[in-house]
Amino acid sequence: MPLLRTLVGIALLLGAASAALAETKKEWFQSLRQPITQAGCCSEADCARTPARFEHGSWWIPPEGRIVDGTWTPGLGPWVEVPAQVILQDKLPQDGVSAYACWVGGRIFCFVAPQAGG
C-alpha cells in the first residue's frame, strides 16, 4: 500500500505541474505584442513552435501549415522570409530555445527567434 500511495502522489504532482506549465505557456502567448501596433499577436491557437533558419541576414520559416498540440506542422512549399517588423526583439522563447511564430491567413504577425542551441 505505501507504494500505491507513493505512485498516486507522484501522479498528482505531475498533473499539477503539467497544469501550471500549460497556464504559464498560455500567459506567455498572451503577452506577445505586435511590434508596430502593440496589439496582441493573436491567440495560443495561432502561435506555435516552428523550425527556423537564419540565412542572408533574415529569418526563414516553413510556409503556414497547421498547429497540432502546440507544434507547427508546416505546409508544403518554399520557406517564407519573416518580415523584420514582426520580429519580437525583446522576447525570449517560451521554452527557452525554440523559434515561435504566430500566423493567421498566410500572414505572420509575430516571430520570436530561437536562442543559441535552438
PDB file of N, CA and C in Angstrom:
ATOM      1  N   MET A   1       0.787  -1.214   0.000  1.00  0.00           N
ATOM      2  CA  MET A   1       0.000   0.000   0.000  1.00  0.00           C
ATOM      3  C   MET A   1       0.828   1.277   0.000  1.00  0.00           C
ATOM      4  N   PRO A   2       1.963   1.297   0.728  1.00  0.00           N
ATOM      5  CA  PRO A   2       2.763   2.521   0.666  1.00  0.00           C
ATOM      6  C   PRO A   2       3.221   2.825  -0.763  1.00  0.00           C
ATOM      7  N   LEU A   3       3.518   1.800  -1.552  1.00  0.00           N
ATOM      8  CA  LEU A   3       3.929   2.013  -2.936  1.00  0.00           C
ATOM      9  C   LEU A   3       2.794   2.634  -3.737  1.00  0.00           C
ATOM     10  N   LEU A   4       1.584   2.145  -3.537  1.00  0.00           N
ATOM     11  CA  LEU A   4       0.429   2.684  -4.243  1.00  0.00           C
ATOM     12  C   LEU A   4       0.217   4.153  -3.880  1.00  0.00           C
ATOM     13  N   ARG A   5       0.322   4.479  -2.588  1.00  0.00           N
ATOM     14  CA  ARG A   5       0.180   5.874  -2.163  1.00  0.00           C
ATOM     15  C   ARG A   5       1.264   6.756  -2.779  1.00  0.00           C
ATOM     16  N   THR A   6       2.468   6.234  -2.848  1.00  0.00           N
ATOM     17  CA  THR A   6       3.567   6.987  -3.451  1.00  0.00           C
ATOM     18  C   THR A   6       3.294   7.243  -4.930  1.00  0.00           C
ATOM     19  N   LEU A   7       2.841   6.202  -5.649  1.00  0.00           N
ATOM     20  CA  LEU A   7       2.539   6.351  -7.069  1.00  0.00           C
ATOM     21  C   LEU A   7       1.400   7.335  -7.301  1.00  0.00           C
ATOM     22  N   VAL A   8       0.380   7.281  -6.466  1.00  0.00           N
ATOM     23  CA  VAL A   8      -0.740   8.219  -6.583  1.00  0.00           C
ATOM     24  C   VAL A   8      -0.245   9.643  -6.313  1.00  0.00           C
ATOM     25  N   GLY A   9       0.617   9.799  -5.314  1.00  0.00           N
ATOM     26  CA  GLY A   9       1.173  11.115  -5.001  1.00  0.00           C
ATOM     27  C   GLY A   9       1.985  11.676  -6.156  1.00  0.00           C
ATOM     28  N   ILE A  10       2.792  10.824  -6.759  1.00  0.00           N
ATOM     29  CA  ILE A  10       3.597  11.253  -7.913  1.00  0.00           C
ATOM     30  C   ILE A  10       2.683  11.665  -9.063  1.00  0.00           C
ATOM     31  N   ALA A  11       1.651  10.883  -9.323  1.00  0.00           N
ATOM     32  CA  ALA A  11       0.718  11.197 -10.406  1.00  0.00           C
ATOM     33  C   ALA A  11       0.033  12.544 -10.156  1.00  0.00           C
ATOM     34  N   LEU A  12      -0.348  12.812  -8.922  1.00  0.00           N
ATOM     35  CA  LEU A  12      -0.988  14.090  -8.595  1.00  0.00           C
ATOM     36  C   LEU A  12      -0.019  15.258  -8.794  1.00  0.00           C
ATOM     37  N   LEU A  13       1.229  15.073  -8.378  1.00  0.00           N
ATOM     38  CA  LEU A  13       2.221  16.128  -8.564  1.00  0.00           C
ATOM     39  C   LEU A  13       2.497  16.394 -10.034  1.00  0.00           C
ATOM     40  N   LEU A  14       2.598  15.345 -10.827  1.00  0.00           N
ATOM     41  CA  LEU A  14       2.824  15.513 -12.257  1.00  0.00           C
ATOM     42  C   LEU A  14       1.659  16.224 -12.928  1.00  0.00           C
ATOM     43  N   GLY A  15       0.446  15.881 -12.525  1.00  0.00           N
ATOM     44  CA  GLY A  15      -0.732  16.546 -13.075  1.00  0.00           C
ATOM     45  C   GLY A  15      -0.758  18.022 -12.728  1.00  0.00           C
ATOM     46  N   ALA A  16      -0.405  18.359 -11.492  1.00  0.00           N
ATOM     47  CA  ALA A  16      -0.370  19.765 -11.069  1.00  0.00           C
ATOM     48  C   ALA A  16       0.715  20.529 -11.815  1.00  0.00           C
ATOM     49  N   ALA A  17       1.878  19.909 -11.995  1.00  0.00           N
ATOM     50  CA  ALA A  17       2.970  20.563 -12.715  1.00  0.00           C
ATOM     51  C   ALA A  17       2.597  20.795 -14.170  1.00  0.00           C
ATOM     52  N   SER A  18       1.922  19.834 -14.775  1.00  0.00           N
ATOM     53  CA  SER A  18       1.500  19.972 -16.170  1.00  0.00           C
ATOM     54  C   SER A  18       0.494  21.108 -16.318  1.00  0.00           C
ATOM     55  N   ALA A  19      -0.445  21.209 -15.394  1.00  0.00           N
ATOM     56  CA  ALA A  19      -1.439  22.287 -15.450  1.00  0.00           C
ATOM     57  C   ALA A  19      -0.770  23.646 -15.272  1.00  0.00           C
ATOM     58  N   ALA A  20       0.202  23.738 -14.367  1.00  0.00           N
ATOM     59  CA  ALA A  20       0.913  25.005 -14.149  1.00  0.00           C
ATOM     60  C   ALA A  20       1.696  25.400 -15.395  1.00  0.00           C
ATOM     61  N   LEU A  21       2.344  24.441 -16.042  1.00  0.00           N
ATOM     62  CA  LEU A  21       3.103  24.720 -17.259  1.00  0.00           C
ATOM     63  C   LEU A  21       2.176  25.201 -18.374  1.00  0.00           C
ATOM     64  N   ALA A  22       1.016  24.563 -18.510  1.00  0.00           N
ATOM     65  CA  ALA A  22       0.054  24.969 -19.543  1.00  0.00           C
ATOM     66  C   ALA A  22      -0.401  26.409 -19.304  1.00  0.00           C
ATOM     67  N   GLU A  23      -0.654  26.771 -18.060  1.00  0.00           N
ATOM     68  CA  GLU A  23      -1.086  28.130 -17.755  1.00  0.00           C
ATOM     69  C   GLU A  23       0.038  29.118 -18.041  1.00  0.00           C
ATOM     70  N   THR A  24       1.260  28.758 -17.674  1.00  0.00           N
ATOM     71  CA  THR A  24       2.397  29.623 -17.951  1.00  0.00           C
ATOM     72  C   THR A  24       2.559  29.817 -19.451  1.00  0.00           C
ATOM     73  N   LYS A  25       2.390  28.749 -20.231  1.00  0.00           N
ATOM     74  CA  LYS A  25       2.502  28.824 -21.682  1.00  0.00           C
ATOM     75  C   LYS A  25       1.414  29.741 -22.245  1.00  0.00           C
ATOM     76  N   LYS A  26       0.185  29.577 -21.748  1.00  0.00           N
ATOM     77  CA  LYS A  26      -0.928  30.417 -22.210  1.00  0.00           C
ATOM     78  C   LYS A  26      -0.647  31.888 -21.913  1.00  0.00           C
ATOM     79  N   GLU A  27      -0.158  32.177 -20.714  1.00  0.00           N
ATOM     80  CA  GLU A  27       0.154  33.548 -20.337  1.00  0.00           C
ATOM     81  C   GLU A  27       1.272  34.107 -21.210  1.00  0.00           C
ATOM     82  N   TRP A  28       2.272  33.260 -21.533  1.00  0.00           N
ATOM     83  CA  TRP A  28       3.371  33.718 -22.380  1.00  0.00           C
ATOM     84  C   TRP A  28       2.847  34.116 -23.755  1.00  0.00           C
ATOM     85  N   PHE A  29       1.996  33.273 -24.357  1.00  0.00           N
ATOM     86  CA  PHE A  29       1.430  33.604 -25.666  1.00  0.00           C
ATOM     87  C   PHE A  29       0.611  34.889 -25.590  1.00  0.00           C
ATOM     88  N   GLN A  30      -0.157  35.051 -24.515  1.00  0.00           N
ATOM     89  CA  GLN A  30      -0.974  36.256 -24.369  1.00  0.00           C
ATOM     90  C   GLN A  30      -0.124  37.506 -24.187  1.00  0.00           C
ATOM     91  N   SER A  31       1.113  37.357 -23.719  1.00  0.00           N
ATOM     92  CA  SER A  31       1.991  38.504 -23.506  1.00  0.00           C
ATOM     93  C   SER A  31       2.628  39.016 -24.805  1.00  0.00           C
ATOM     94  N   LEU A  32       2.550  38.225 -25.874  1.00  0.00           N
ATOM     95  CA  LEU A  32       3.173  38.626 -27.133  1.00  0.00           C
ATOM     96  C   LEU A  32       2.405  39.793 -27.760  1.00  0.00           C
ATOM     97  N   ARG A  33       3.145  40.810 -28.162  1.00  0.00           N
ATOM     98  CA  ARG A  33       2.550  42.010 -28.764  1.00  0.00           C
ATOM     99  C   ARG A  33       3.237  42.299 -30.090  1.00  0.00           C
ATOM    100  N   GLN A  34       2.426  42.662 -31.093  1.00  0.00           N
ATOM    101  CA  GLN A  34       2.964  43.027 -32.396  1.00  0.00           C
ATOM    102  C   GLN A  34       3.840  44.271 -32.228  1.00  0.00           C
ATOM    103  N   PRO A  35       5.052  44.248 -32.762  1.00  0.00           N
ATOM    104  CA  PRO A  35       5.983  45.361 -32.540  1.00  0.00           C
ATOM    105  C   PRO A  35       5.473  46.728 -32.974  1.00  0.00           C
ATOM    106  N   ILE A  36       4.771  46.821 -34.076  1.00  0.00           N
ATOM    107  CA  ILE A  36       4.347  48.136 -34.581  1.00  0.00           C
ATOM    108  C   ILE A  36       3.084  48.631 -33.896  1.00  0.00           C
ATOM    109  N   THR A  37       2.068  47.782 -33.794  1.00  0.00           N
ATOM    110  CA  THR A  37       0.770  48.212 -33.271  1.00  0.00           C
ATOM    111  C   THR A  37       0.598  47.972 -31.777  1.00  0.00           C
ATOM    112  N   GLN A  38       1.399  47.099 -31.203  1.00  0.00           N
ATOM    113  CA  GLN A  38       1.277  46.654 -29.813  1.00  0.00           C
ATOM    114  C   GLN A  38      -0.005  45.867 -29.560  1.00  0.00           C
ATOM    115  N   ALA A  39      -0.721  45.498 -30.633  1.00  0.00           N
ATOM    116  CA  ALA A  39      -1.886  44.617 -30.493  1.00  0.00           C
ATOM    117  C   ALA A  39      -1.375  43.210 -30.189  1.00  0.00           C
ATOM    118  N   GLY A  40      -2.238  42.386 -29.636  1.00  0.00           N
ATOM    119  CA  GLY A  40      -1.851  41.010 -29.362  1.00  0.00           C
ATOM    120  C   GLY A  40      -1.462  40.283 -30.642  1.00  0.00           C
ATOM    121  N   CYS A  41      -0.632  39.290 -30.505  1.00  0.00           N
ATOM    122  CA  CYS A  41      -0.174  38.510 -31.665  1.00  0.00           C
ATOM    123  C   CYS A  41      -1.168  37.417 -32.031  1.00  0.00           C
ATOM    124  N   CYS A  42      -2.367  37.528 -31.651  1.00  0.00           N
ATOM    125  CA  CYS A  42      -3.423  36.545 -31.847  1.00  0.00           C
ATOM    126  C   CYS A  42      -3.500  35.684 -30.595  1.00  0.00           C
ATOM    127  N   SER A  43      -3.873  34.434 -30.728  1.00  0.00           N
ATOM    128  CA  SER A  43      -4.049  33.604 -29.540  1.00  0.00           C
ATOM    129  C   SER A  43      -3.096  32.411 -29.587  1.00  0.00           C
ATOM    130  N   GLU A  44      -3.127  31.648 -28.522  1.00  0.00           N
ATOM    131  CA  GLU A  44      -2.300  30.440 -28.451  1.00  0.00           C
ATOM    132  C   GLU A  44      -2.609  29.497 -29.612  1.00  0.00           C
ATOM    133  N   ALA A  45      -3.839  29.556 -30.120  1.00  0.00           N
ATOM    134  CA  ALA A  45      -4.229  28.697 -31.237  1.00  0.00           C
ATOM    135  C   ALA A  45      -3.533  29.098 -32.541  1.00  0.00           C
ATOM    136  N   ASP A  46      -3.015  30.326 -32.616  1.00  0.00           N
ATOM    137  CA  ASP A  46      -2.369  30.821 -33.832  1.00  0.00           C
ATOM    138  C   ASP A  46      -0.845  30.857 -33.736  1.00  0.00           C
ATOM    139  N   CYS A  47      -0.300  30.550 -32.566  1.00  0.00           N
ATOM    140  CA  CYS A  47       1.144  30.633 -32.337  1.00  0.00           C
ATOM    141  C   CYS A  47       1.683  29.273 -31.944  1.00  0.00           C
ATOM    142  N   ALA A  48       2.846  28.942 -32.471  1.00  0.00           N
ATOM    143  CA  ALA A  48       3.436  27.647 -32.134  1.00  0.00           C
ATOM    144  C   ALA A  48       4.932  27.646 -32.383  1.00  0.00           C
ATOM    145  N   ARG A  49       5.572  26.663 -31.790  1.00  0.00           N
ATOM    146  CA  ARG A  49       6.994  26.423 -32.052  1.00  0.00           C
ATOM    147  C   ARG A  49       7.138  26.054 -33.527  1.00  0.00           C
ATOM    148  N   THR A  50       8.194  26.533 -34.167  1.00  0.00           N
ATOM    149  CA  THR A  50       8.391  26.269 -35.587  1.00  0.00           C
ATOM    150  C   THR A  50       9.871  26.093 -35.889  1.00  0.00           C
ATOM    151  N   PRO A  51      10.188  25.305 -36.891  1.00  0.00           N
ATOM    152  CA  PRO A  51      11.580  25.289 -37.354  1.00  0.00           C
ATOM    153  C   PRO A  51      11.920  26.681 -37.896  1.00  0.00           C
ATOM    154  N   ALA A  52      13.168  27.080 -37.794  1.00  0.00           N
ATOM    155  CA  ALA A  52      13.597  28.379 -38.321  1.00  0.00           C
ATOM    156  C   ALA A  52      15.067  28.300 -38.680  1.00  0.00           C
ATOM    157  N   ARG A  53      15.434  29.110 -39.649  1.00  0.00           N
ATOM    158  CA  ARG A  53      16.852  29.208 -40.005  1.00  0.00           C
ATOM    159  C   ARG A  53      17.169  30.652 -40.354  1.00  0.00           C
ATOM    160  N   PHE A  54      18.403  31.032 -40.104  1.00  0.00           N
ATOM    161  CA  PHE A  54      18.859  32.391 -40.389  1.00  0.00           C
ATOM    162  C   PHE A  54      19.795  32.326 -41.580  1.00  0.00           C
ATOM    163  N   GLU A  55      19.390  32.974 -42.680  1.00  0.00           N
ATOM    164  CA  GLU A  55      20.179  32.965 -43.904  1.00  0.00           C
ATOM    165  C   GLU A  55      20.149  34.339 -44.556  1.00  0.00           C
ATOM    166  N   HIS A  56      21.286  34.769 -45.033  1.00  0.00           N
ATOM    167  CA  HIS A  56      21.389  36.032 -45.777  1.00  0.00           C
ATOM    168  C   HIS A  56      20.795  37.207 -45.007  1.00  0.00           C
ATOM    169  N   GLY A  57      20.988  37.217 -43.695  1.00  0.00           N
ATOM    170  CA  GLY A  57      20.530  38.330 -42.874  1.00  0.00           C
ATOM    171  C   GLY A  57      19.065  38.327 -42.507  1.00  0.00           C
ATOM    172  N   SER A  58      18.345  37.219 -42.779  1.00  0.00           N
ATOM    173  CA  SER A  58      16.904  37.147 -42.471  1.00  0.00           C
ATOM    174  C   SER A  58      16.555  35.803 -41.840  1.00  0.00           C
ATOM    175  N   TRP A  59      15.473  35.808 -41.068  1.00  0.00           N
ATOM    176  CA  TRP A  59      14.912  34.565 -40.545  1.00  0.00           C
ATOM    177  C   TRP A  59      13.949  33.989 -41.574  1.00  0.00           C
ATOM    178  N   TRP A  60      13.939  32.666 -41.691  1.00  0.00           N
ATOM    179  CA  TRP A  60      13.070  31.947 -42.619  1.00  0.00           C
ATOM    180  C   TRP A  60      12.371  30.828 -41.858  1.00  0.00           C
ATOM    181  N   ILE A  61      11.083  30.628 -42.163  1.00  0.00           N
ATOM    182  CA  ILE A  61      10.312  29.538 -41.553  1.00  0.00           C
ATOM    183  C   ILE A  61       9.511  28.819 -42.642  1.00  0.00           C
ATOM    184  N   PRO A  62       9.073  27.590 -42.359  1.00  0.00           N
ATOM    185  CA  PRO A  62       8.260  26.882 -43.351  1.00  0.00           C
ATOM    186  C   PRO A  62       6.951  27.621 -43.602  1.00  0.00           C
ATOM    187  N   PRO A  63       6.318  27.367 -44.749  1.00  0.00           N
ATOM    188  CA  PRO A  63       5.037  28.030 -45.034  1.00  0.00           C
ATOM    189  C   PRO A  63       3.978  27.646 -44.015  1.00  0.00           C
ATOM    190  N   GLU A  64       2.970  28.513 -43.918  1.00  0.00           N
ATOM    191  CA  GLU A  64       1.901  28.279 -42.943  1.00  0.00           C
ATOM    192  C   GLU A  64       1.309  26.894 -43.139  1.00  0.00           C
ATOM    193  N   GLY A  65       1.192  26.200 -42.053  1.00  0.00           N
ATOM    194  CA  GLY A  65       0.578  24.875 -42.056  1.00  0.00           C
ATOM    195  C   GLY A  65      -0.544  24.865 -41.040  1.00  0.00           C
ATOM    196  N   ARG A  66      -0.424  23.980 -40.098  1.00  0.00           N
ATOM    197  CA  ARG A  66      -1.415  23.942 -39.024  1.00  0.00           C
ATOM    198  C   ARG A  66      -0.711  23.626 -37.723  1.00  0.00           C
ATOM    199  N   ILE A  67      -1.362  23.950 -36.630  1.00  0.00           N
ATOM    200  CA  ILE A  67      -0.789  23.733 -35.311  1.00  0.00           C
ATOM    201  C   ILE A  67      -1.465  22.511 -34.691  1.00  0.00           C
ATOM    202  N   VAL A  68      -0.649  21.551 -34.280  1.00  0.00           N
ATOM    203  CA  VAL A  68      -1.144  20.334 -33.641  1.00  0.00           C
ATOM    204  C   VAL A  68      -0.445  20.206 -32.299  1.00  0.00           C
ATOM    205  N   ASP A  69      -1.220  20.243 -31.216  1.00  0.00           N
ATOM    206  CA  ASP A  69      -0.667  20.145 -29.866  1.00  0.00           C
ATOM    207  C   ASP A  69       0.466  21.140 -29.622  1.00  0.00           C
ATOM    208  N   GLY A  70       0.300  22.366 -30.107  1.00  0.00           N
ATOM    209  CA  GLY A  70       1.273  23.412 -29.869  1.00  0.00           C
ATOM    210  C   GLY A  70       2.525  23.315 -30.721  1.00  0.00           C
ATOM    211  N   THR A  71       2.540  22.399 -31.672  1.00  0.00           N
ATOM    212  CA  THR A  71       3.707  22.243 -32.541  1.00  0.00           C
ATOM    213  C   THR A  71       3.296  22.478 -33.985  1.00  0.00           C
ATOM    214  N   TRP A  72       4.098  23.221 -34.676  1.00  0.00           N
ATOM    215  CA  TRP A  72       3.856  23.575 -36.060  1.00  0.00           C
ATOM    216  C   TRP A  72       3.977  22.344 -36.943  1.00  0.00           C
ATOM    217  N   THR A  73       2.988  22.111 -37.784  1.00  0.00           N
ATOM    218  CA  THR A  73       3.081  21.120 -38.856  1.00  0.00           C
ATOM    219  C   THR A  73       3.125  21.941 -40.130  1.00  0.00           C
ATOM    220  N   PRO A  74       4.339  22.107 -40.701  1.00  0.00           N
ATOM    221  CA  PRO A  74       4.483  23.046 -41.816  1.00  0.00           C
ATOM    222  C   PRO A  74       3.715  22.650 -43.057  1.00  0.00           C
ATOM    223  N   GLY A  75       3.327  23.670 -43.809  1.00  0.00           N
ATOM    224  CA  GLY A  75       2.709  23.446 -45.100  1.00  0.00           C
ATOM    225  C   GLY A  75       3.779  23.086 -46.127  1.00  0.00           C
ATOM    226  N   LEU A  76       3.352  22.811 -47.320  1.00  0.00           N
ATOM    227  CA  LEU A  76       4.278  22.471 -48.391  1.00  0.00           C
ATOM    228  C   LEU A  76       4.705  23.726 -49.129  1.00  0.00           C
ATOM    229  N   GLY A  77       5.873  23.690 -49.697  1.00  0.00           N
ATOM    230  CA  GLY A  77       6.349  24.821 -50.480  1.00  0.00           C
ATOM    231  C   GLY A  77       7.621  25.400 -49.919  1.00  0.00           C
ATOM    232  N   PRO A  78       8.106  26.451 -50.558  1.00  0.00           N
ATOM    233  CA  PRO A  78       9.363  27.065 -50.111  1.00  0.00           C
ATOM    234  C   PRO A  78       9.193  27.779 -48.774  1.00  0.00           C
ATOM    235  N   TRP A  79      10.297  27.870 -48.061  1.00  0.00           N
ATOM    236  CA  TRP A  79      10.272  28.578 -46.784  1.00  0.00           C
ATOM    237  C   TRP A  79       9.978  30.060 -47.029  1.00  0.00           C
ATOM    238  N   VAL A  80       9.436  30.713 -46.006  1.00  0.00           N
ATOM    239  CA  VAL A  80       8.976  32.098 -46.087  1.00  0.00           C
ATOM    240  C   VAL A  80       9.898  32.989 -45.259  1.00  0.00           C
ATOM    241  N   GLU A  81      10.265  34.129 -45.839  1.00  0.00           N
ATOM    242  CA  GLU A  81      11.082  35.086 -45.085  1.00  0.00           C
ATOM    243  C   GLU A  81      10.214  35.790 -44.050  1.00  0.00           C
ATOM    244  N   VAL A  82      10.711  35.872 -42.830  1.00  0.00           N
ATOM    245  CA  VAL A  82       9.990  36.555 -41.754  1.00  0.00           C
ATOM    246  C   VAL A  82      10.250  38.058 -41.887  1.00  0.00           C
ATOM    247  N   PRO A  83       9.186  38.863 -42.044  1.00  0.00           N
ATOM    248  CA  PRO A  83       9.389  40.317 -42.145  1.00  0.00           C
ATOM    249  C   PRO A  83      10.065  40.856 -40.874  1.00  0.00           C
ATOM    250  N   ALA A  84      11.059  41.688 -41.048  1.00  0.00           N
ATOM    251  CA  ALA A  84      11.814  42.229 -39.910  1.00  0.00           C
ATOM    252  C   ALA A  84      10.900  42.933 -38.900  1.00  0.00           C
ATOM    253  N   GLN A  85       9.829  43.561 -39.387  1.00  0.00           N
ATOM    254  CA  GLN A  85       8.959  44.337 -38.487  1.00  0.00           C
ATOM    255  C   GLN A  85       8.088  43.482 -37.569  1.00  0.00           C
ATOM    256  N   VAL A  86       8.060  42.162 -37.753  1.00  0.00           N
ATOM    257  CA  VAL A  86       7.254  41.309 -36.866  1.00  0.00           C
ATOM    258  C   VAL A  86       8.112  40.528 -35.868  1.00  0.00           C
ATOM    259  N   ILE A  87       9.434  40.722 -35.926  1.00  0.00           N
ATOM    260  CA  ILE A  87      10.330  40.002 -35.018  1.00  0.00           C
ATOM    261  C   ILE A  87      10.325  40.684 -33.656  1.00  0.00           C
ATOM    262  N   LEU A  88      10.013  39.922 -32.633  1.00  0.00           N
ATOM    263  CA  LEU A  88       9.978  40.449 -31.267  1.00  0.00           C
ATOM    264  C   LEU A  88      11.391  40.388 -30.698  1.00  0.00           C
ATOM    265  N   GLN A  89      12.070  41.503 -30.718  1.00  0.00           N
ATOM    266  CA  GLN A  89      13.479  41.558 -30.329  1.00  0.00           C
ATOM    267  C   GLN A  89      13.700  41.343 -28.841  1.00  0.00           C
ATOM    268  N   ASP A  90      12.724  41.702 -28.024  1.00  0.00           N
ATOM    269  CA  ASP A  90      12.920  41.660 -26.573  1.00  0.00           C
ATOM    270  C   ASP A  90      12.278  40.455 -25.903  1.00  0.00           C
ATOM    271  N   LYS A  91      11.864  39.467 -26.665  1.00  0.00           N
ATOM    272  CA  LYS A  91      11.160  38.320 -26.100  1.00  0.00           C
ATOM    273  C   LYS A  91      12.010  37.070 -26.222  1.00  0.00           C
ATOM    274  N   LEU A  92      12.141  36.338 -25.124  1.00  0.00           N
ATOM    275  CA  LEU A  92      12.807  35.043 -25.156  1.00  0.00           C
ATOM    276  C   LEU A  92      11.777  33.976 -25.467  1.00  0.00           C
ATOM    277  N   PRO A  93      12.174  32.902 -26.134  1.00  0.00           N
ATOM    278  CA  PRO A  93      11.225  31.826 -26.439  1.00  0.00           C
ATOM    279  C   PRO A  93      10.591  31.258 -25.177  1.00  0.00           C
ATOM    280  N   GLN A  94       9.367  30.801 -25.317  1.00  0.00           N
ATOM    281  CA  GLN A  94       8.621  30.239 -24.185  1.00  0.00           C
ATOM    282  C   GLN A  94       9.357  29.064 -23.567  1.00  0.00           C
ATOM    283  N   ASP A  95       9.981  28.241 -24.379  1.00  0.00           N
ATOM    284  CA  ASP A  95      10.692  27.080 -23.840  1.00  0.00           C
ATOM    285  C   ASP A  95      12.174  27.362 -23.626  1.00  0.00           C
ATOM    286  N   GLY A  96      12.592  28.586 -23.887  1.00  0.00           N
ATOM    287  CA  GLY A  96      13.976  28.966 -23.671  1.00  0.00           C
ATOM    288  C   GLY A  96      14.873  28.860 -24.886  1.00  0.00           C
ATOM    289  N   VAL A  97      14.490  28.089 -25.916  1.00  0.00           N
ATOM    290  CA  VAL A  97      15.390  27.926 -27.056  1.00  0.00           C
ATOM    291  C   VAL A  97      14.719  27.975 -28.429  1.00  0.00           C
ATOM    292  N   SER A  98      13.504  27.494 -28.589  1.00  0.00           N
ATOM    293  CA  SER A  98      12.881  27.315 -29.907  1.00  0.00           C
ATOM    294  C   SER A  98      12.349  28.604 -30.512  1.00  0.00           C
ATOM    295  N   ALA A  99      12.193  28.598 -31.840  1.00  0.00           N
ATOM    296  CA  ALA A  99      11.531  29.705 -32.529  1.00  0.00           C
ATOM    297  C   ALA A  99      10.019  29.528 -32.406  1.00  0.00           C
ATOM    298  N   TYR A 100       9.304  30.645 -32.360  1.00  0.00           N
ATOM    299  CA  TYR A 100       7.842  30.633 -32.325  1.00  0.00           C
ATOM    300  C   TYR A 100       7.332  31.630 -33.351  1.00  0.00           C
ATOM    301  N   ALA A 101       6.243  31.253 -34.027  1.00  0.00           N
ATOM    302  CA  ALA A 101       5.622  32.150 -34.997  1.00  0.00           C
ATOM    303  C   ALA A 101       4.114  32.173 -34.768  1.00  0.00           C
ATOM    304  N   CYS A 102       3.513  33.332 -35.039  1.00  0.00           N
ATOM    305  CA  CYS A 102       2.061  33.490 -34.969  1.00  0.00           C
ATOM    306  C   CYS A 102       1.585  33.844 -36.379  1.00  0.00           C
ATOM    307  N   TRP A 103       0.740  33.008 -36.936  1.00  0.00           N
ATOM    308  CA  TRP A 103       0.235  33.145 -38.305  1.00  0.00           C
ATOM    309  C   TRP A 103      -1.282  33.222 -38.292  1.00  0.00           C
ATOM    310  N   VAL A 104      -1.830  33.974 -39.201  1.00  0.00           N
ATOM    311  CA  VAL A 104      -3.272  33.930 -39.474  1.00  0.00           C
ATOM    312  C   VAL A 104      -3.456  34.272 -40.946  1.00  0.00           C
ATOM    313  N   GLY A 105      -4.147  33.407 -41.661  1.00  0.00           N
ATOM    314  CA  GLY A 105      -4.457  33.657 -43.064  1.00  0.00           C
ATOM    315  C   GLY A 105      -3.251  33.942 -43.947  1.00  0.00           C
ATOM    316  N   GLY A 106      -2.152  33.253 -43.702  1.00  0.00           N
ATOM    317  CA  GLY A 106      -0.960  33.428 -44.514  1.00  0.00           C
ATOM    318  C   GLY A 106      -0.092  34.607 -44.116  1.00  0.00           C
ATOM    319  N   ARG A 107      -0.461  35.324 -43.075  1.00  0.00           N
ATOM    320  CA  ARG A 107       0.302  36.487 -42.619  1.00  0.00           C
ATOM    321  C   ARG A 107       0.963  36.183 -41.285  1.00  0.00           C
ATOM    322  N   ILE A 108       2.257  36.495 -41.201  1.00  0.00           N
ATOM    323  CA  ILE A 108       2.978  36.335 -39.932  1.00  0.00           C
ATOM    324  C   ILE A 108       2.781  37.609 -39.125  1.00  0.00           C
ATOM    325  N   PHE A 109       2.232  37.472 -37.923  1.00  0.00           N
ATOM    326  CA  PHE A 109       2.003  38.628 -37.062  1.00  0.00           C
ATOM    327  C   PHE A 109       3.156  38.846 -36.098  1.00  0.00           C
ATOM    328  N   CYS A 110       3.735  37.750 -35.608  1.00  0.00           N
ATOM    329  CA  CYS A 110       4.817  37.834 -34.641  1.00  0.00           C
ATOM    330  C   CYS A 110       5.763  36.662 -34.817  1.00  0.00           C
ATOM    331  N   PHE A 111       7.039  36.916 -34.521  1.00  0.00           N
ATOM    332  CA  PHE A 111       8.045  35.865 -34.590  1.00  0.00           C
ATOM    333  C   PHE A 111       9.027  36.075 -33.437  1.00  0.00           C
ATOM    334  N   VAL A 112       9.258  35.003 -32.704  1.00  0.00           N
ATOM    335  CA  VAL A 112      10.249  35.005 -31.640  1.00  0.00           C
ATOM    336  C   VAL A 112      11.390  34.110 -32.107  1.00  0.00           C
ATOM    337  N   ALA A 113      12.555  34.702 -32.281  1.00  0.00           N
ATOM    338  CA  ALA A 113      13.709  33.970 -32.799  1.00  0.00           C
ATOM    339  C   ALA A 113      14.212  32.952 -31.768  1.00  0.00           C
ATOM    340  N   PRO A 114      14.767  31.845 -32.261  1.00  0.00           N
ATOM    341  CA  PRO A 114      15.331  30.870 -31.331  1.00  0.00           C
ATOM    342  C   PRO A 114      16.593  31.418 -30.689  1.00  0.00           C
ATOM    343  N   GLN A 115      16.905  30.894 -29.528  1.00  0.00           N
ATOM    344  CA  GLN A 115      18.140  31.271 -28.845  1.00  0.00           C
ATOM    345  C   GLN A 115      19.221  30.256 -29.186  1.00  0.00           C
ATOM    346  N   ALA A 116      20.423  30.533 -28.792  1.00  0.00           N
ATOM    347  CA  ALA A 116      21.543  29.619 -29.056  1.00  0.00           C
ATOM    348  C   ALA A 116      21.179  28.220 -28.588  1.00  0.00           C
ATOM    349  N   GLY A 117      21.435  27.260 -29.437  1.00  0.00           N
ATOM    350  CA  GLY A 117      21.116  25.875 -29.109  1.00  0.00           C
ATOM    351  C   GLY A 117      19.740  25.459 -29.552  1.00  0.00           C
ATOM    352  N   GLY A 118      18.932  26.408 -30.139  1.00  0.00           N
ATOM    353  CA  GLY A 118      17.565  26.086 -30.540  1.00  0.00           C
ATOM    354  C   GLY A 118      17.448  25.570 -31.928  1.00  0.00           C
TER     355      GLY A 118
END
